[in-house]
Each structure stands twice: as C-alpha cells, then as structure tokens.
Amino acid sequence: MGDTIGQRELRNDSGAIMRRVEQGESFTITRGGRPVADLVPHARPESPQRTLGDLQADFRGLPAVDEARWRSEREQIDELLGDDDPLTG
C-alpha cells in the first residue's frame, strides 16, 4: 500500500490527502497504530463504455432465431409451468 496515516491526520488533512489520492497515491489508515482501512484511488473501467453501434454489431453476429422451434419450446414450457403471458390471461 502507500503511506500509513493515522485517523486523526486523515480528519485534519482530508483535503490534501484526497488530492493526493486523486493523483494516484494510496494510504493505509490506522487507529491506535493498527491498520483499519485502505484509501485507494477509485478504479476506472479498463475499457471505454460500449456504444449502441458496438452492441448492434454483436447482435448481427448472432445466429438467426428459428421461430418455429422457439414457439414449440415455449408451448412445451407453458404446458409444464403454465402460461405467463399477461395479455392472454
């Protein structure tokens, strides 16, 4: 971890310490000389957020749905578990 600081120092110098954390530093916070917490920079996502275009490209790569097979499987499941369609019942 990085520097070790006491709870009192964190309380008294929180602004300066938070600026250091924003710059990438990490701290172990102690109370009574015993480590009780780690203060670390917030983890940033490793990859940028995906766009709608990315998702559409992924879906285009999926195999087509066999509608007859899907309906058959759904009917089998409905017979077993009951119809859960709110519009039919």
N, C-alpha and C. Protein backbone atom coordinates (compact mmCIF):
# COMPACT_ATOMS: atom_id res chain seq x y z
N MET A 1 0.88 -1.17 0.00
CA MET A 1 0.00 0.00 0.00
C MET A 1 0.92 1.21 0.00
N GLY A 2 0.47 2.37 0.11
CA GLY A 2 1.30 3.56 0.10
C GLY A 2 1.68 3.97 1.51
N ASP A 3 1.56 5.24 1.78
CA ASP A 3 1.88 5.77 3.11
C ASP A 3 0.87 5.30 4.14
N THR A 4 1.33 5.30 5.39
CA THR A 4 0.44 4.99 6.51
C THR A 4 0.14 6.30 7.23
N ILE A 5 -1.14 6.55 7.45
CA ILE A 5 -1.53 7.77 8.16
C ILE A 5 -2.56 7.41 9.22
N GLY A 6 -2.53 8.17 10.29
CA GLY A 6 -3.47 7.94 11.38
C GLY A 6 -4.83 8.56 11.08
N GLN A 7 -5.83 8.07 11.80
CA GLN A 7 -7.19 8.57 11.63
C GLN A 7 -7.24 10.08 11.88
N ARG A 8 -6.52 10.56 12.86
CA ARG A 8 -6.52 11.99 13.18
C ARG A 8 -5.94 12.81 12.03
N GLU A 9 -4.83 12.32 11.44
CA GLU A 9 -4.24 13.03 10.30
C GLU A 9 -5.21 13.07 9.12
N LEU A 10 -5.91 11.95 8.89
CA LEU A 10 -6.91 11.93 7.81
C LEU A 10 -7.99 12.97 8.08
N ARG A 11 -8.46 13.04 9.31
CA ARG A 11 -9.51 14.00 9.65
C ARG A 11 -9.00 15.44 9.50
N ASN A 12 -7.82 15.72 9.97
CA ASN A 12 -7.30 17.08 9.97
C ASN A 12 -6.84 17.54 8.59
N ASP A 13 -6.35 16.62 7.76
CA ASP A 13 -5.78 16.98 6.47
C ASP A 13 -6.51 16.30 5.31
N SER A 14 -7.82 16.10 5.46
CA SER A 14 -8.54 15.30 4.47
C SER A 14 -8.48 15.91 3.07
N GLY A 15 -8.53 17.23 2.95
CA GLY A 15 -8.48 17.86 1.62
C GLY A 15 -7.18 17.54 0.89
N ALA A 16 -6.07 17.71 1.57
CA ALA A 16 -4.76 17.45 0.96
C ALA A 16 -4.60 15.96 0.64
N ILE A 17 -5.06 15.12 1.55
CA ILE A 17 -4.93 13.68 1.33
C ILE A 17 -5.78 13.24 0.15
N MET A 18 -7.01 13.77 0.04
CA MET A 18 -7.86 13.40 -1.09
C MET A 18 -7.25 13.86 -2.42
N ARG A 19 -6.61 15.02 -2.42
CA ARG A 19 -5.94 15.46 -3.65
C ARG A 19 -4.83 14.49 -4.04
N ARG A 20 -4.11 13.98 -3.04
CA ARG A 20 -3.05 13.01 -3.32
C ARG A 20 -3.63 11.70 -3.86
N VAL A 21 -4.77 11.30 -3.30
CA VAL A 21 -5.42 10.07 -3.79
C VAL A 21 -5.86 10.28 -5.24
N GLU A 22 -6.39 11.45 -5.56
CA GLU A 22 -6.78 11.74 -6.94
C GLU A 22 -5.59 11.64 -7.89
N GLN A 23 -4.41 11.90 -7.39
CA GLN A 23 -3.20 11.82 -8.20
C GLN A 23 -2.65 10.39 -8.27
N GLY A 24 -3.32 9.44 -7.59
CA GLY A 24 -2.92 8.04 -7.70
C GLY A 24 -2.29 7.44 -6.46
N GLU A 25 -2.10 8.21 -5.41
CA GLU A 25 -1.49 7.66 -4.20
C GLU A 25 -2.50 6.84 -3.41
N SER A 26 -1.99 5.91 -2.61
CA SER A 26 -2.81 5.07 -1.74
C SER A 26 -2.32 5.22 -0.31
N PHE A 27 -3.20 5.01 0.64
CA PHE A 27 -2.87 5.14 2.05
C PHE A 27 -3.47 4.00 2.85
N THR A 28 -2.76 3.61 3.91
CA THR A 28 -3.32 2.72 4.91
C THR A 28 -3.67 3.60 6.11
N ILE A 29 -4.93 3.54 6.52
CA ILE A 29 -5.39 4.36 7.64
C ILE A 29 -5.29 3.53 8.91
N THR A 30 -4.71 4.12 9.96
CA THR A 30 -4.56 3.42 11.22
C THR A 30 -5.36 4.11 12.32
N ARG A 31 -5.72 3.31 13.32
CA ARG A 31 -6.34 3.84 14.53
C ARG A 31 -5.63 3.15 15.69
N GLY A 32 -5.05 3.95 16.55
CA GLY A 32 -4.29 3.37 17.65
C GLY A 32 -3.11 2.57 17.17
N GLY A 33 -2.56 2.94 16.00
CA GLY A 33 -1.40 2.24 15.46
C GLY A 33 -1.72 0.97 14.69
N ARG A 34 -3.00 0.58 14.66
CA ARG A 34 -3.39 -0.64 13.94
C ARG A 34 -4.05 -0.28 12.62
N PRO A 35 -3.69 -0.93 11.52
CA PRO A 35 -4.33 -0.67 10.23
C PRO A 35 -5.82 -1.04 10.30
N VAL A 36 -6.67 -0.13 9.81
CA VAL A 36 -8.11 -0.39 9.81
C VAL A 36 -8.75 -0.22 8.44
N ALA A 37 -8.09 0.49 7.52
CA ALA A 37 -8.70 0.70 6.20
C ALA A 37 -7.62 1.08 5.20
N ASP A 38 -7.96 0.88 3.93
CA ASP A 38 -7.11 1.32 2.83
C ASP A 38 -7.85 2.40 2.07
N LEU A 39 -7.17 3.48 1.77
CA LEU A 39 -7.73 4.57 0.98
C LEU A 39 -7.01 4.53 -0.35
N VAL A 40 -7.74 4.16 -1.41
CA VAL A 40 -7.14 3.96 -2.72
C VAL A 40 -7.91 4.76 -3.76
N PRO A 41 -7.28 5.10 -4.88
CA PRO A 41 -8.00 5.79 -5.95
C PRO A 41 -9.14 4.91 -6.46
N HIS A 42 -10.20 5.55 -6.87
CA HIS A 42 -11.35 4.83 -7.44
C HIS A 42 -10.91 4.14 -8.72
N ALA A 43 -11.31 2.88 -8.88
CA ALA A 43 -10.94 2.11 -10.06
C ALA A 43 -11.71 2.62 -11.28
N ARG A 44 -11.01 2.89 -12.32
CA ARG A 44 -11.62 3.32 -13.57
C ARG A 44 -11.91 2.09 -14.42
N PRO A 45 -12.98 2.09 -15.20
CA PRO A 45 -13.20 0.96 -16.10
C PRO A 45 -12.02 0.80 -17.04
N GLU A 46 -11.64 -0.44 -17.29
CA GLU A 46 -10.48 -0.69 -18.14
C GLU A 46 -10.78 -0.40 -19.61
N SER A 47 -12.02 -0.61 -20.01
CA SER A 47 -12.35 -0.35 -21.40
C SER A 47 -13.43 0.73 -21.45
N PRO A 48 -13.45 1.52 -22.51
CA PRO A 48 -14.46 2.56 -22.60
C PRO A 48 -15.85 1.94 -22.73
N GLN A 49 -16.84 2.73 -22.36
CA GLN A 49 -18.21 2.24 -22.44
C GLN A 49 -18.56 1.90 -23.89
N ARG A 50 -19.28 0.81 -24.07
CA ARG A 50 -19.62 0.37 -25.42
C ARG A 50 -20.73 1.23 -25.98
N THR A 51 -20.68 1.43 -27.28
CA THR A 51 -21.69 2.25 -27.95
C THR A 51 -22.82 1.37 -28.45
N LEU A 52 -23.92 2.01 -28.83
CA LEU A 52 -25.04 1.28 -29.42
C LEU A 52 -24.58 0.56 -30.69
N GLY A 53 -23.74 1.20 -31.48
CA GLY A 53 -23.23 0.58 -32.69
C GLY A 53 -22.46 -0.70 -32.40
N ASP A 54 -21.67 -0.70 -31.31
CA ASP A 54 -20.94 -1.91 -30.91
C ASP A 54 -21.91 -3.04 -30.60
N LEU A 55 -22.96 -2.72 -29.85
CA LEU A 55 -23.94 -3.75 -29.47
C LEU A 55 -24.69 -4.27 -30.69
N GLN A 56 -25.04 -3.37 -31.60
CA GLN A 56 -25.73 -3.79 -32.81
C GLN A 56 -24.85 -4.73 -33.64
N ALA A 57 -23.58 -4.42 -33.73
CA ALA A 57 -22.65 -5.28 -34.47
C ALA A 57 -22.57 -6.66 -33.83
N ASP A 58 -22.57 -6.72 -32.49
CA ASP A 58 -22.55 -8.01 -31.80
C ASP A 58 -23.80 -8.82 -32.12
N PHE A 59 -24.96 -8.15 -32.08
CA PHE A 59 -26.20 -8.86 -32.35
C PHE A 59 -26.28 -9.34 -33.79
N ARG A 60 -25.72 -8.58 -34.72
CA ARG A 60 -25.72 -9.02 -36.12
C ARG A 60 -24.94 -10.32 -36.30
N GLY A 61 -24.00 -10.57 -35.42
CA GLY A 61 -23.18 -11.77 -35.50
C GLY A 61 -23.84 -13.01 -34.90
N LEU A 62 -24.98 -12.85 -34.25
CA LEU A 62 -25.67 -14.00 -33.66
C LEU A 62 -26.42 -14.79 -34.72
N PRO A 63 -26.60 -16.08 -34.49
CA PRO A 63 -27.37 -16.87 -35.46
C PRO A 63 -28.84 -16.44 -35.45
N ALA A 64 -29.50 -16.66 -36.57
CA ALA A 64 -30.92 -16.31 -36.67
C ALA A 64 -31.75 -17.21 -35.76
N VAL A 65 -32.87 -16.67 -35.28
CA VAL A 65 -33.76 -17.44 -34.43
C VAL A 65 -34.70 -18.26 -35.31
N ASP A 66 -34.80 -19.54 -34.99
CA ASP A 66 -35.74 -20.42 -35.68
C ASP A 66 -37.09 -20.24 -34.98
N GLU A 67 -37.97 -19.46 -35.61
CA GLU A 67 -39.23 -19.09 -34.97
C GLU A 67 -40.09 -20.30 -34.63
N ALA A 68 -40.17 -21.27 -35.52
CA ALA A 68 -40.99 -22.46 -35.27
C ALA A 68 -40.46 -23.23 -34.06
N ARG A 69 -39.16 -23.37 -33.98
CA ARG A 69 -38.57 -24.08 -32.84
C ARG A 69 -38.82 -23.31 -31.56
N TRP A 70 -38.67 -21.98 -31.60
CA TRP A 70 -38.88 -21.15 -30.41
C TRP A 70 -40.32 -21.30 -29.92
N ARG A 71 -41.30 -21.21 -30.84
CA ARG A 71 -42.72 -21.34 -30.45
C ARG A 71 -43.00 -22.72 -29.86
N SER A 72 -42.43 -23.75 -30.47
CA SER A 72 -42.62 -25.12 -29.98
C SER A 72 -42.07 -25.26 -28.55
N GLU A 73 -40.87 -24.76 -28.32
CA GLU A 73 -40.27 -24.85 -26.99
C GLU A 73 -41.08 -24.04 -25.98
N ARG A 74 -41.56 -22.87 -26.39
CA ARG A 74 -42.35 -22.04 -25.48
C ARG A 74 -43.66 -22.75 -25.11
N GLU A 75 -44.31 -23.37 -26.07
CA GLU A 75 -45.55 -24.10 -25.79
C GLU A 75 -45.30 -25.26 -24.84
N GLN A 76 -44.18 -25.95 -25.01
CA GLN A 76 -43.84 -27.06 -24.11
C GLN A 76 -43.63 -26.54 -22.69
N ILE A 77 -42.95 -25.43 -22.58
CA ILE A 77 -42.69 -24.85 -21.26
C ILE A 77 -44.00 -24.35 -20.64
N ASP A 78 -44.86 -23.72 -21.44
CA ASP A 78 -46.15 -23.25 -20.94
C ASP A 78 -47.00 -24.41 -20.43
N GLU A 79 -46.94 -25.56 -21.13
CA GLU A 79 -47.69 -26.73 -20.67
C GLU A 79 -47.17 -27.22 -19.33
N LEU A 80 -45.87 -27.13 -19.14
CA LEU A 80 -45.25 -27.61 -17.91
C LEU A 80 -45.44 -26.62 -16.76
N LEU A 81 -45.23 -25.34 -17.03
CA LEU A 81 -45.22 -24.33 -15.96
C LEU A 81 -46.44 -23.42 -15.94
N GLY A 82 -47.23 -23.44 -16.99
CA GLY A 82 -48.37 -22.55 -17.07
C GLY A 82 -48.05 -21.33 -17.92
N ASP A 83 -49.08 -20.74 -18.48
CA ASP A 83 -48.93 -19.57 -19.34
C ASP A 83 -48.63 -18.35 -18.48
N ASP A 84 -47.56 -17.64 -18.78
CA ASP A 84 -47.22 -16.45 -18.01
C ASP A 84 -47.42 -15.16 -18.83
N ASP A 85 -48.12 -15.26 -19.93
CA ASP A 85 -48.35 -14.10 -20.78
C ASP A 85 -49.48 -13.25 -20.18
N PRO A 86 -49.20 -12.03 -19.73
CA PRO A 86 -50.24 -11.20 -19.09
C PRO A 86 -51.35 -10.78 -20.05
N LEU A 87 -51.12 -10.87 -21.36
CA LEU A 87 -52.13 -10.46 -22.32
C LEU A 87 -53.15 -11.55 -22.63
N THR A 88 -52.80 -12.80 -22.30
CA THR A 88 -53.73 -13.90 -22.61
C THR A 88 -54.45 -14.42 -21.38
N GLY A 89 -54.11 -13.89 -20.25
CA GLY A 89 -54.80 -14.49 -19.24
C GLY A 89 -55.00 -14.27 -17.90
